[in-house]
């Protein structure tokens, strides 16, 4: 019974495979004839765009022509492969493994099946070969492994990548020659040579600039620390000026001299602050900041001495008034 089942399965495979191959061949011939008419019409429209000076529209439409031409060429190769496999169905049926001489034809049909939606018969053929040789055999072909054996031209023609500028320029030039157009291709050639910015991925130049501007560095950290130090010095200056206002009550010549000394010290600190803001060397900024802090400390001490002197003078004046 098992032998009869095997013979029956072989007969079913042979019948179905021949039927699907014949249908695929007939459908591809029909689609090729239909595409011939469409391509002629599309090429004529592009020639009219070139003649009217509407090159931007022609550059867009030519991509569709190239895609249709690639599919037409792929169908032509697949038709030959299907005819070759159809003639070798008895050999395929009698052998358990895929014959080496049929490897390229069978692999190309399996690879093209999901990429040629106009020919559903190729999917049926793929399913038959999956049952015949197993899923691993079909997976190696679908994933284009090194030993897949798929025809390189089929892979190129059924690729979804956009055509290059050279290919588009060549097709436009051929159309202009076909319709005897005096078309200057220099402007279109220059447009195809441009490296247009990828709007989805973002501008590379902007990305690099942003990376440089936001990249952490020692200088930026030192500058930020110097700015913090300068801010603290300025706040200290404000306090010193407040002390200066309180201590600047005129009592005698000594108090005025001390007050002038405080003002000079504050002016020196402000000058150093201005210098430290214009210098971008981290070591110089830190040295200037230390010097400013030291000057601020001296100004603080001088202010305290002036305040104590003023307080002493006012105390002595008060005592003299009471005694008198």
C-alpha atoms as a PDB file:
ATOM      1  CA  UNK A   1       0.000   0.000   0.000  1.00  0.00           C
ATOM      2  CA  UNK A   2       2.851   2.369   0.772  1.00  0.00           C
ATOM      3  CA  UNK A   3       4.301   1.826  -2.696  1.00  0.00           C
ATOM      4  CA  UNK A   4       0.925   2.558  -4.253  1.00  0.00           C
ATOM      5  CA  UNK A   5       0.638   5.715  -2.159  1.00  0.00           C
ATOM      6  CA  UNK A   6       4.058   6.839  -3.305  1.00  0.00           C
ATOM      7  CA  UNK A   7       3.169   6.211  -6.932  1.00  0.00           C
ATOM      8  CA  UNK A   8      -0.110   8.056  -6.430  1.00  0.00           C
ATOM      9  CA  UNK A   9       1.646  11.005  -4.766  1.00  0.00           C
ATOM     10  CA  UNK A  10       4.175  11.131  -7.590  1.00  0.00           C
ATOM     11  CA  UNK A  11       1.383  11.180 -10.100  1.00  0.00           C
ATOM     12  CA  UNK A  12      -0.377  13.970  -8.219  1.00  0.00           C
ATOM     13  CA  UNK A  13       2.834  16.022  -8.000  1.00  0.00           C
ATOM     14  CA  UNK A  14       3.537  15.572 -11.693  1.00  0.00           C
ATOM     15  CA  UNK A  15       0.027  16.565 -12.734  1.00  0.00           C
ATOM     16  CA  UNK A  16      -0.210  19.579 -10.463  1.00  0.00           C
ATOM     17  CA  UNK A  17       3.290  20.792 -11.273  1.00  0.00           C
ATOM     18  CA  UNK A  18       2.702  20.612 -15.034  1.00  0.00           C
ATOM     19  CA  UNK A  19      -0.649  22.378 -14.690  1.00  0.00           C
ATOM     20  CA  UNK A  20       0.769  25.210 -12.594  1.00  0.00           C
ATOM     21  CA  UNK A  21       3.784  25.614 -14.869  1.00  0.00           C
ATOM     22  CA  UNK A  22       1.628  25.839 -17.969  1.00  0.00           C
ATOM     23  CA  UNK A  23      -0.656  28.387 -16.338  1.00  0.00           C
ATOM     24  CA  UNK A  24       2.315  30.449 -15.157  1.00  0.00           C
ATOM     25  CA  UNK A  25       3.852  30.476 -18.649  1.00  0.00           C
ATOM     26  CA  UNK A  26       0.583  31.548 -20.264  1.00  0.00           C
ATOM     27  CA  UNK A  27      -0.017  34.263 -17.666  1.00  0.00           C
ATOM     28  CA  UNK A  28       3.520  35.666 -18.017  1.00  0.00           C
ATOM     29  CA  UNK A  29       3.153  35.924 -21.791  1.00  0.00           C
ATOM     30  CA  UNK A  30      -0.124  37.760 -21.373  1.00  0.00           C
ATOM     31  CA  UNK A  31       1.343  40.166 -18.830  1.00  0.00           C
ATOM     32  CA  UNK A  32       4.383  40.828 -21.002  1.00  0.00           C
ATOM     33  CA  UNK A  33       2.190  41.830 -23.919  1.00  0.00           C
ATOM     34  CA  UNK A  34       0.170  44.085 -21.652  1.00  0.00           C
ATOM     35  CA  UNK A  35       3.308  45.696 -20.266  1.00  0.00           C
ATOM     36  CA  UNK A  36       4.654  46.310 -23.760  1.00  0.00           C
ATOM     37  CA  UNK A  37       1.681  48.534 -24.526  1.00  0.00           C
ATOM     38  CA  UNK A  38       1.933  50.337 -21.169  1.00  0.00           C
ATOM     39  CA  UNK A  39       5.666  50.946 -21.540  1.00  0.00           C
ATOM     40  CA  UNK A  40       5.257  52.422 -24.998  1.00  0.00           C
ATOM     41  CA  UNK A  41       2.597  54.803 -23.704  1.00  0.00           C
ATOM     42  CA  UNK A  42       4.690  55.800 -20.677  1.00  0.00           C
ATOM     43  CA  UNK A  43       7.778  56.442 -22.789  1.00  0.00           C
ATOM     44  CA  UNK A  44       5.747  58.632 -25.113  1.00  0.00           C
ATOM     45  CA  UNK A  45       4.447  60.678 -22.167  1.00  0.00           C
ATOM     46  CA  UNK A  46       7.968  61.196 -20.832  1.00  0.00           C
ATOM     47  CA  UNK A  47       9.121  62.371 -24.252  1.00  0.00           C
ATOM     48  CA  UNK A  48       6.338  64.953 -24.168  1.00  0.00           C
ATOM     49  CA  UNK A  49       7.468  66.118 -20.713  1.00  0.00           C
ATOM     50  CA  UNK A  50      11.046  66.488 -21.941  1.00  0.00           C
ATOM     51  CA  UNK A  51       9.918  68.395 -25.013  1.00  0.00           C
ATOM     52  CA  UNK A  52       7.804  70.753 -22.876  1.00  0.00           C
ATOM     53  CA  UNK A  53      10.718  71.394 -20.500  1.00  0.00           C
ATOM     54  CA  UNK A  54       9.048  69.625 -17.548  1.00  0.00           C
ATOM     55  CA  UNK A  55      12.124  67.660 -16.549  1.00  0.00           C
ATOM     56  CA  UNK A  56      11.228  67.284 -12.830  1.00  0.00           C
ATOM     57  CA  UNK A  57       8.097  65.330 -13.765  1.00  0.00           C
ATOM     58  CA  UNK A  58      10.070  63.223 -16.245  1.00  0.00           C
ATOM     59  CA  UNK A  59      12.656  62.387 -13.572  1.00  0.00           C
ATOM     60  CA  UNK A  60       9.897  61.070 -11.309  1.00  0.00           C
ATOM     61  CA  UNK A  61       8.012  59.139 -13.995  1.00  0.00           C
ATOM     62  CA  UNK A  62      11.142  57.430 -15.287  1.00  0.00           C
ATOM     63  CA  UNK A  63      11.453  55.419 -12.070  1.00  0.00           C
ATOM     64  CA  UNK A  64       8.107  53.762 -12.784  1.00  0.00           C
ATOM     65  CA  UNK A  65       9.263  52.904 -16.305  1.00  0.00           C
ATOM     66  CA  UNK A  66      12.461  51.324 -14.964  1.00  0.00           C
ATOM     67  CA  UNK A  67      10.451  49.258 -12.470  1.00  0.00           C
ATOM     68  CA  UNK A  68       8.106  47.998 -15.177  1.00  0.00           C
ATOM     69  CA  UNK A  69      11.006  47.183 -17.469  1.00  0.00           C
ATOM     70  CA  UNK A  70      12.704  45.204 -14.704  1.00  0.00           C
ATOM     71  CA  UNK A  71       9.553  43.176 -14.059  1.00  0.00           C
ATOM     72  CA  UNK A  72       9.169  42.565 -17.783  1.00  0.00           C
ATOM     73  CA  UNK A  73      12.769  41.269 -17.976  1.00  0.00           C
ATOM     74  CA  UNK A  74      12.257  39.092 -14.887  1.00  0.00           C
ATOM     75  CA  UNK A  75       9.138  37.546 -16.434  1.00  0.00           C
ATOM     76  CA  UNK A  76      11.072  36.766 -19.579  1.00  0.00           C
ATOM     77  CA  UNK A  77      13.709  34.837 -17.592  1.00  0.00           C
ATOM     78  CA  UNK A  78      11.092  33.118 -15.417  1.00  0.00           C
ATOM     79  CA  UNK A  79       9.202  32.003 -18.496  1.00  0.00           C
ATOM     80  CA  UNK A  80      12.313  30.231 -19.765  1.00  0.00           C
ATOM     81  CA  UNK A  81      12.906  28.633 -16.362  1.00  0.00           C
ATOM     82  CA  UNK A  82       9.303  27.397 -16.188  1.00  0.00           C
ATOM     83  CA  UNK A  83       9.567  25.858 -19.648  1.00  0.00           C
ATOM     84  CA  UNK A  84      12.842  24.201 -18.637  1.00  0.00           C
ATOM     85  CA  UNK A  85      11.353  22.747 -15.430  1.00  0.00           C
ATOM     86  CA  UNK A  86       8.211  21.653 -17.292  1.00  0.00           C
ATOM     87  CA  UNK A  87      10.312  19.594 -19.660  1.00  0.00           C
ATOM     88  CA  UNK A  88      12.149  17.986 -16.700  1.00  0.00           C
ATOM     89  CA  UNK A  89       9.154  17.147 -14.488  1.00  0.00           C
ATOM     90  CA  UNK A  90       9.637  13.367 -14.933  1.00  0.00           C
ATOM     91  CA  UNK A  91      13.255  13.698 -13.720  1.00  0.00           C
ATOM     92  CA  UNK A  92      12.162  15.789 -10.735  1.00  0.00           C
ATOM     93  CA  UNK A  93       9.484  13.263  -9.904  1.00  0.00           C
ATOM     94  CA  UNK A  94      11.839  10.283 -10.023  1.00  0.00           C
ATOM     95  CA  UNK A  95      14.534  11.788  -7.763  1.00  0.00           C
ATOM     96  CA  UNK A  96      14.220  12.574  -4.087  1.00  0.00           C
ATOM     97  CA  UNK A  97      16.739  15.433  -4.109  1.00  0.00           C
ATOM     98  CA  UNK A  98      16.776  18.442  -6.398  1.00  0.00           C
ATOM     99  CA  UNK A  99      18.824  17.720  -9.555  1.00  0.00           C
ATOM    100  CA  UNK A 100      21.896  20.002  -9.738  1.00  0.00           C
ATOM    101  CA  UNK A 101      21.146  21.068 -13.312  1.00  0.00           C
ATOM    102  CA  UNK A 102      17.667  22.228 -12.232  1.00  0.00           C
ATOM    103  CA  UNK A 103      18.779  23.956  -9.045  1.00  0.00           C
ATOM    104  CA  UNK A 104      18.973  27.481 -10.528  1.00  0.00           C
ATOM    105  CA  UNK A 105      15.629  27.247 -12.338  1.00  0.00           C
ATOM    106  CA  UNK A 106      13.719  25.832  -9.339  1.00  0.00           C
ATOM    107  CA  UNK A 107      15.387  28.232  -6.893  1.00  0.00           C
ATOM    108  CA  UNK A 108      14.598  31.239  -9.093  1.00  0.00           C
ATOM    109  CA  UNK A 109      10.930  30.223  -9.344  1.00  0.00           C
ATOM    110  CA  UNK A 110      10.654  29.775  -5.569  1.00  0.00           C
ATOM    111  CA  UNK A 111      12.382  33.108  -4.897  1.00  0.00           C
ATOM    112  CA  UNK A 112      10.158  34.993  -7.368  1.00  0.00           C
ATOM    113  CA  UNK A 113       6.853  33.495  -6.214  1.00  0.00           C
ATOM    114  CA  UNK A 114       6.083  35.964  -3.362  1.00  0.00           C
ATOM    115  CA  UNK A 115       7.497  38.912  -5.366  1.00  0.00           C
ATOM    116  CA  UNK A 116       5.319  38.410  -8.438  1.00  0.00           C
ATOM    117  CA  UNK A 117       1.794  38.967  -7.184  1.00  0.00           C
ATOM    118  CA  UNK A 118       0.460  39.024 -10.753  1.00  0.00           C
ATOM    119  CA  UNK A 119       1.292  35.332 -11.132  1.00  0.00           C
ATOM    120  CA  UNK A 120      -0.328  33.361  -8.285  1.00  0.00           C
ATOM    121  CA  UNK A 121       0.547  30.098 -10.059  1.00  0.00           C
ATOM    122  CA  UNK A 122       4.156  30.547  -8.923  1.00  0.00           C
ATOM    123  CA  UNK A 123       3.008  30.298  -5.306  1.00  0.00           C
ATOM    124  CA  UNK A 124       1.353  26.954  -6.038  1.00  0.00           C
ATOM    125  CA  UNK A 125       4.585  25.740  -7.620  1.00  0.00           C
ATOM    126  CA  UNK A 126       6.510  26.902  -4.563  1.00  0.00           C
ATOM    127  CA  UNK A 127       4.175  24.946  -2.272  1.00  0.00           C
ATOM    128  CA  UNK A 128       4.645  21.833  -4.381  1.00  0.00           C
ATOM    129  CA  UNK A 129       8.434  22.099  -4.130  1.00  0.00           C
ATOM    130  CA  UNK A 130       8.122  22.736  -0.378  1.00  0.00           C
ATOM    131  CA  UNK A 131       6.261  19.441  -0.047  1.00  0.00           C
ATOM    132  CA  UNK A 132       8.794  17.749  -2.311  1.00  0.00           C
ATOM    133  CA  UNK A 133      12.089  19.001  -0.836  1.00  0.00           C
ATOM    134  CA  UNK A 134      11.142  20.304   2.617  1.00  0.00           C
ATOM    135  CA  UNK A 135      10.887  23.687   4.316  1.00  0.00           C
ATOM    136  CA  UNK A 136      14.634  24.016   4.910  1.00  0.00           C
ATOM    137  CA  UNK A 137      15.279  23.856   1.174  1.00  0.00           C
ATOM    138  CA  UNK A 138      12.787  26.660   0.524  1.00  0.00           C
ATOM    139  CA  UNK A 139      14.019  28.758   3.480  1.00  0.00           C
ATOM    140  CA  UNK A 140      17.587  28.706   2.163  1.00  0.00           C
ATOM    141  CA  UNK A 141      16.327  30.057  -1.154  1.00  0.00           C
ATOM    142  CA  UNK A 142      14.023  32.691   0.347  1.00  0.00           C
ATOM    143  CA  UNK A 143      16.816  33.979   2.614  1.00  0.00           C
ATOM    144  CA  UNK A 144      19.345  33.994  -0.255  1.00  0.00           C
ATOM    145  CA  UNK A 145      21.914  31.859   1.516  1.00  0.00           C
ATOM    146  CA  UNK A 146      25.233  31.291  -0.270  1.00  0.00           C
ATOM    147  CA  UNK A 147      24.105  27.923  -1.630  1.00  0.00           C
ATOM    148  CA  UNK A 148      20.622  29.088  -2.662  1.00  0.00           C
ATOM    149  CA  UNK A 149      21.389  29.070  -6.388  1.00  0.00           C
ATOM    150  CA  UNK A 150      19.002  31.928  -7.299  1.00  0.00           C
ATOM    151  CA  UNK A 151      19.770  33.641 -10.594  1.00  0.00           C
ATOM    152  CA  UNK A 152      21.556  36.957 -10.005  1.00  0.00           C
ATOM    153  CA  UNK A 153      19.612  38.784 -12.694  1.00  0.00           C
ATOM    154  CA  UNK A 154      16.320  37.716 -11.102  1.00  0.00           C
ATOM    155  CA  UNK A 155      17.488  39.108  -7.749  1.00  0.00           C
ATOM    156  CA  UNK A 156      18.489  42.411  -9.371  1.00  0.00           C
ATOM    157  CA  UNK A 157      15.339  42.831 -11.453  1.00  0.00           C
ATOM    158  CA  UNK A 158      12.969  42.062  -8.568  1.00  0.00           C
ATOM    159  CA  UNK A 159      14.808  44.281  -6.090  1.00  0.00           C
ATOM    160  CA  UNK A 160      12.758  47.020  -4.425  1.00  0.00           C
ATOM    161  CA  UNK A 161      15.657  49.482  -4.184  1.00  0.00           C
ATOM    162  CA  UNK A 162      15.424  52.745  -6.105  1.00  0.00           C
ATOM    163  CA  UNK A 163      17.347  52.931  -9.407  1.00  0.00           C
ATOM    164  CA  UNK A 164      20.561  54.899  -9.493  1.00  0.00           C
ATOM    165  CA  UNK A 165      20.912  58.275 -11.150  1.00  0.00           C
ATOM    166  CA  UNK A 166      23.017  56.804 -13.971  1.00  0.00           C
ATOM    167  CA  UNK A 167      20.300  54.294 -14.851  1.00  0.00           C
ATOM    168  CA  UNK A 168      17.581  56.968 -14.845  1.00  0.00           C
ATOM    169  CA  UNK A 169      19.691  59.296 -16.998  1.00  0.00           C
ATOM    170  CA  UNK A 170      20.363  56.509 -19.482  1.00  0.00           C
ATOM    171  CA  UNK A 171      16.656  55.695 -19.841  1.00  0.00           C
ATOM    172  CA  UNK A 172      15.779  59.373 -20.332  1.00  0.00           C
ATOM    173  CA  UNK A 173      18.522  59.710 -22.944  1.00  0.00           C
ATOM    174  CA  UNK A 174      17.254  56.616 -24.773  1.00  0.00           C
ATOM    175  CA  UNK A 175      13.716  58.033 -24.800  1.00  0.00           C
ATOM    176  CA  UNK A 176      14.972  61.363 -26.168  1.00  0.00           C
ATOM    177  CA  UNK A 177      16.884  59.564 -28.927  1.00  0.00           C
ATOM    178  CA  UNK A 178      13.902  57.331 -29.700  1.00  0.00           C
ATOM    179  CA  UNK A 179      11.652  60.337 -30.333  1.00  0.00           C
ATOM    180  CA  UNK A 180      14.398  62.490 -31.947  1.00  0.00           C
ATOM    181  CA  UNK A 181      14.367  65.187 -29.266  1.00  0.00           C
ATOM    182  CA  UNK A 182      17.079  67.850 -29.018  1.00  0.00           C
ATOM    183  CA  UNK A 183      17.243  67.465 -25.235  1.00  0.00           C
ATOM    184  CA  UNK A 184      20.062  68.875 -23.128  1.00  0.00           C
ATOM    185  CA  UNK A 185      20.697  66.362 -20.364  1.00  0.00           C
ATOM    186  CA  UNK A 186      23.258  68.451 -18.446  1.00  0.00           C
ATOM    187  CA  UNK A 187      20.712  69.879 -16.003  1.00  0.00           C
ATOM    188  CA  UNK A 188      19.204  66.471 -15.241  1.00  0.00           C
ATOM    189  CA  UNK A 189      22.673  64.924 -14.912  1.00  0.00           C
ATOM    190  CA  UNK A 190      23.646  67.609 -12.380  1.00  0.00           C
ATOM    191  CA  UNK A 191      20.429  66.968 -10.461  1.00  0.00           C
ATOM    192  CA  UNK A 192      21.108  63.231 -10.295  1.00  0.00           C
ATOM    193  CA  UNK A 193      24.640  63.869  -8.988  1.00  0.00           C
ATOM    194  CA  UNK A 194      23.366  65.829  -6.019  1.00  0.00           C
ATOM    195  CA  UNK A 195      23.419  64.095  -2.652  1.00  0.00           C
ATOM    196  CA  UNK A 196      19.947  64.884  -1.447  1.00  0.00           C
ATOM    197  CA  UNK A 197      19.382  65.075   2.308  1.00  0.00           C
ATOM    198  CA  UNK A 198      17.588  62.153   3.914  1.00  0.00           C
ATOM    199  CA  UNK A 199      14.617  63.863   5.544  1.00  0.00           C
ATOM    200  CA  UNK A 200      13.525  60.775   7.472  1.00  0.00           C
ATOM    201  CA  UNK A 201      16.947  60.078   8.911  1.00  0.00           C
ATOM    202  CA  UNK A 202      17.705  63.754   9.617  1.00  0.00           C
ATOM    203  CA  UNK A 203      20.463  65.949   8.372  1.00  0.00           C
ATOM    204  CA  UNK A 204      23.887  64.425   8.904  1.00  0.00           C
ATOM    205  CA  UNK A 205      25.591  67.833   9.127  1.00  0.00           C
ATOM    206  CA  UNK A 206      23.147  69.065  11.754  1.00  0.00           C
ATOM    207  CA  UNK A 207      23.539  65.818  13.644  1.00  0.00           C
ATOM    208  CA  UNK A 208      27.323  66.149  13.685  1.00  0.00           C
ATOM    209  CA  UNK A 209      27.125  69.768  14.805  1.00  0.00           C
ATOM    210  CA  UNK A 210      24.728  68.886  17.559  1.00  0.00           C
ATOM    211  CA  UNK A 211      26.955  66.060  18.674  1.00  0.00           C
ATOM    212  CA  UNK A 212      29.964  68.377  18.820  1.00  0.00           C
ATOM    213  CA  UNK A 213      28.093  71.139  20.635  1.00  0.00           C
ATOM    214  CA  UNK A 214      26.597  68.764  23.198  1.00  0.00           C
ATOM    215  CA  UNK A 215      29.624  66.532  23.674  1.00  0.00           C
ATOM    216  CA  UNK A 216      31.023  66.827  27.217  1.00  0.00           C
ATOM    217  CA  UNK A 217      34.559  68.179  27.513  1.00  0.00           C
ATOM    218  CA  UNK A 218      36.957  69.269  30.175  1.00  0.00           C
ATOM    219  CA  UNK A 219      36.923  72.863  28.981  1.00  0.00           C
ATOM    220  CA  UNK A 220      33.149  73.112  29.244  1.00  0.00           C
ATOM    221  CA  UNK A 221      33.172  71.682  32.741  1.00  0.00           C
ATOM    222  CA  UNK A 222      35.977  74.051  33.771  1.00  0.00           C
ATOM    223  CA  UNK A 223      34.163  77.010  32.247  1.00  0.00           C
ATOM    224  CA  UNK A 224      30.980  76.123  34.084  1.00  0.00           C
ATOM    225  CA  UNK A 225      32.852  75.816  37.382  1.00  0.00           C
ATOM    226  CA  UNK A 226      34.568  79.164  36.695  1.00  0.00           C
ATOM    227  CA  UNK A 227      31.204  80.783  36.032  1.00  0.00           C
ATOM    228  CA  UNK A 228      29.903  79.424  39.349  1.00  0.00           C
ATOM    229  CA  UNK A 229      32.970  80.854  41.129  1.00  0.00           C
ATOM    230  CA  UNK A 230      32.509  84.221  39.432  1.00  0.00           C
ATOM    231  CA  UNK A 231      28.858  84.243  40.464  1.00  0.00           C
ATOM    232  CA  UNK A 232      29.815  83.638  44.074  1.00  0.00           C
ATOM    233  CA  UNK A 233      32.411  86.438  43.861  1.00  0.00           C
ATOM    234  CA  UNK A 234      29.812  88.849  42.483  1.00  0.00           C
ATOM    235  CA  UNK A 235      27.416  87.998  45.282  1.00  0.00           C
ATOM    236  CA  UNK A 236      30.264  88.647  47.720  1.00  0.00           C
ATOM    237  CA  UNK A 237      30.854  91.994  46.024  1.00  0.00           C
ATOM    238  CA  UNK A 238      27.239  92.938  46.600  1.00  0.00           C
ATOM    239  CA  UNK A 239      27.642  92.180  50.276  1.00  0.00           C
ATOM    240  CA  UNK A 240      30.844  94.239  50.384  1.00  0.00           C
ATOM    241  CA  UNK A 241      29.079  97.205  48.788  1.00  0.00           C
ATOM    242  CA  UNK A 242      26.331  96.915  51.393  1.00  0.00           C
ATOM    243  CA  UNK A 243      28.981  97.000  54.138  1.00  0.00           C
ATOM    244  CA  UNK A 244      30.597  99.942  52.415  1.00  0.00           C
ATOM    245  CA  UNK A 245      27.351 101.927  52.520  1.00  0.00           C
ATOM    246  CA  UNK A 246      26.941 101.274  56.220  1.00  0.00           C
ATOM    247  CA  UNK A 247      30.563 102.082  56.997  1.00  0.00           C
ATOM    248  CA  UNK A 248      30.915 105.230  54.887  1.00  0.00           C
ATOM    249  CA  UNK A 249      29.608 107.681  57.509  1.00  0.00           C
ATOM    250  CA  UNK A 250      32.080 110.620  57.551  1.00  0.00           C
ATOM    251  CA  UNK A 251      33.606 110.951  61.029  1.00  0.00           C
ATOM    252  CA  UNK A 252      37.219 111.893  60.408  1.00  0.00           C
ATOM    253  CA  UNK A 253      39.914 111.724  57.763  1.00  0.00           C
ATOM    254  CA  UNK A 254      40.956 108.197  58.731  1.00  0.00           C
ATOM    255  CA  UNK A 255      37.474 106.813  58.013  1.00  0.00           C
ATOM    256  CA  UNK A 256      37.463 108.445  54.579  1.00  0.00           C
ATOM    257  CA  UNK A 257      40.867 106.950  53.808  1.00  0.00           C
ATOM    258  CA  UNK A 258      39.673 103.492  54.805  1.00  0.00           C
ATOM    259  CA  UNK A 259      36.536 103.942  52.721  1.00  0.00           C
ATOM    260  CA  UNK A 260      38.600 104.889  49.675  1.00  0.00           C
ATOM    261  CA  UNK A 261      40.753 101.822  50.228  1.00  0.00           C
ATOM    262  CA  UNK A 262      37.640  99.617  50.241  1.00  0.00           C
ATOM    263  CA  UNK A 263      36.385 101.188  47.007  1.00  0.00           C
ATOM    264  CA  UNK A 264      39.760 100.642  45.338  1.00  0.00           C
ATOM    265  CA  UNK A 265      39.785  97.017  46.421  1.00  0.00           C
ATOM    266  CA  UNK A 266      36.257  96.522  45.081  1.00  0.00           C
ATOM    267  CA  UNK A 267      37.236  98.153  41.797  1.00  0.00           C
ATOM    268  CA  UNK A 268      40.205  95.821  41.526  1.00  0.00           C
ATOM    269  CA  UNK A 269      37.951  92.826  42.107  1.00  0.00           C
ATOM    270  CA  UNK A 270      35.535  93.998  39.399  1.00  0.00           C
ATOM    271  CA  UNK A 271      38.414  94.462  36.964  1.00  0.00           C
ATOM    272  CA  UNK A 272      39.597  90.957  37.680  1.00  0.00           C
ATOM    273  CA  UNK A 273      36.079  89.670  37.164  1.00  0.00           C
ATOM    274  CA  UNK A 274      35.945  91.306  33.744  1.00  0.00           C
ATOM    275  CA  UNK A 275      39.288  89.807  32.812  1.00  0.00           C
ATOM    276  CA  UNK A 276      38.289  86.353  34.043  1.00  0.00           C
ATOM    277  CA  UNK A 277      35.152  86.439  31.877  1.00  0.00           C
ATOM    278  CA  UNK A 278      37.161  87.140  28.721  1.00  0.00           C
ATOM    279  CA  UNK A 279      39.816  84.462  29.301  1.00  0.00           C
ATOM    280  CA  UNK A 280      38.801  80.934  28.348  1.00  0.00           C
ATOM    281  CA  UNK A 281      41.838  79.060  29.668  1.00  0.00           C
ATOM    282  CA  UNK A 282      40.631  76.948  32.630  1.00  0.00           C
ATOM    283  CA  UNK A 283      43.865  77.292  34.655  1.00  0.00           C
ATOM    284  CA  UNK A 284      43.952  81.089  34.223  1.00  0.00           C
ATOM    285  CA  UNK A 285      40.299  81.359  35.198  1.00  0.00           C
ATOM    286  CA  UNK A 286      40.891  79.429  38.404  1.00  0.00           C
ATOM    287  CA  UNK A 287      43.938  81.552  39.275  1.00  0.00           C
ATOM    288  CA  UNK A 288      41.989  84.749  38.669  1.00  0.00           C
ATOM    289  CA  UNK A 289      39.131  83.400  40.755  1.00  0.00           C
ATOM    290  CA  UNK A 290      41.479  82.623  43.661  1.00  0.00           C
ATOM    291  CA  UNK A 291      43.007  86.104  43.431  1.00  0.00           C
ATOM    292  CA  UNK A 292      39.543  87.671  43.391  1.00  0.00           C
ATOM    293  CA  UNK A 293      38.531  85.679  46.468  1.00  0.00           C
ATOM    294  CA  UNK A 294      41.681  86.822  48.271  1.00  0.00           C
ATOM    295  CA  UNK A 295      40.946  90.453  47.339  1.00  0.00           C
ATOM    296  CA  UNK A 296      37.395  90.013  48.560  1.00  0.00           C
ATOM    297  CA  UNK A 297      38.689  88.691  51.873  1.00  0.00           C
ATOM    298  CA  UNK A 298      40.962  91.708  52.252  1.00  0.00           C
ATOM    299  CA  UNK A 299      38.064  93.996  51.387  1.00  0.00           C
ATOM    300  CA  UNK A 300      35.951  92.279  54.010  1.00  0.00           C
ATOM    301  CA  UNK A 301      38.643  92.769  56.644  1.00  0.00           C
ATOM    302  CA  UNK A 302      39.009  96.415  55.669  1.00  0.00           C
ATOM    303  CA  UNK A 303      35.264  96.944  55.846  1.00  0.00           C
ATOM    304  CA  UNK A 304      35.124  95.397  59.295  1.00  0.00           C
ATOM    305  CA  UNK A 305      37.977  97.643  60.447  1.00  0.00           C
ATOM    306  CA  UNK A 306      36.176 100.689  59.062  1.00  0.00           C
ATOM    307  CA  UNK A 307      32.952  99.689  60.775  1.00  0.00           C
ATOM    308  CA  UNK A 308      34.696  99.170  64.102  1.00  0.00           C
ATOM    309  CA  UNK A 309      36.532 102.495  63.728  1.00  0.00           C
ATOM    310  CA  UNK A 310      33.306 104.317  62.967  1.00  0.00           C
ATOM    311  CA  UNK A 311      31.646 102.645  65.913  1.00  0.00           C
ATOM    312  CA  UNK A 312      34.563 103.664  68.171  1.00  0.00           C
ATOM    313  CA  UNK A 313      34.468 107.259  66.963  1.00  0.00           C
ATOM    314  CA  UNK A 314      30.730 107.510  67.514  1.00  0.00           C
ATOM    315  CA  UNK A 315      31.178 106.017  70.995  1.00  0.00           C
ATOM    316  CA  UNK A 316      33.848 108.515  71.920  1.00  0.00           C
ATOM    317  CA  UNK A 317      31.754 111.417  70.610  1.00  0.00           C
ATOM    318  CA  UNK A 318      28.781 110.211  72.629  1.00  0.00           C
ATOM    319  CA  UNK A 319      30.846 110.004  75.806  1.00  0.00           C
ATOM    320  CA  UNK A 320      32.194 113.499  75.291  1.00  0.00           C
ATOM    321  CA  UNK A 321      28.687 114.821  74.810  1.00  0.00           C
ATOM    322  CA  UNK A 322      27.417 113.212  77.967  1.00  0.00           C
ATOM    323  CA  UNK A 323      30.397 114.425  79.992  1.00  0.00           C
ATOM    324  CA  UNK A 324      29.921 117.943  78.794  1.00  0.00           C
END
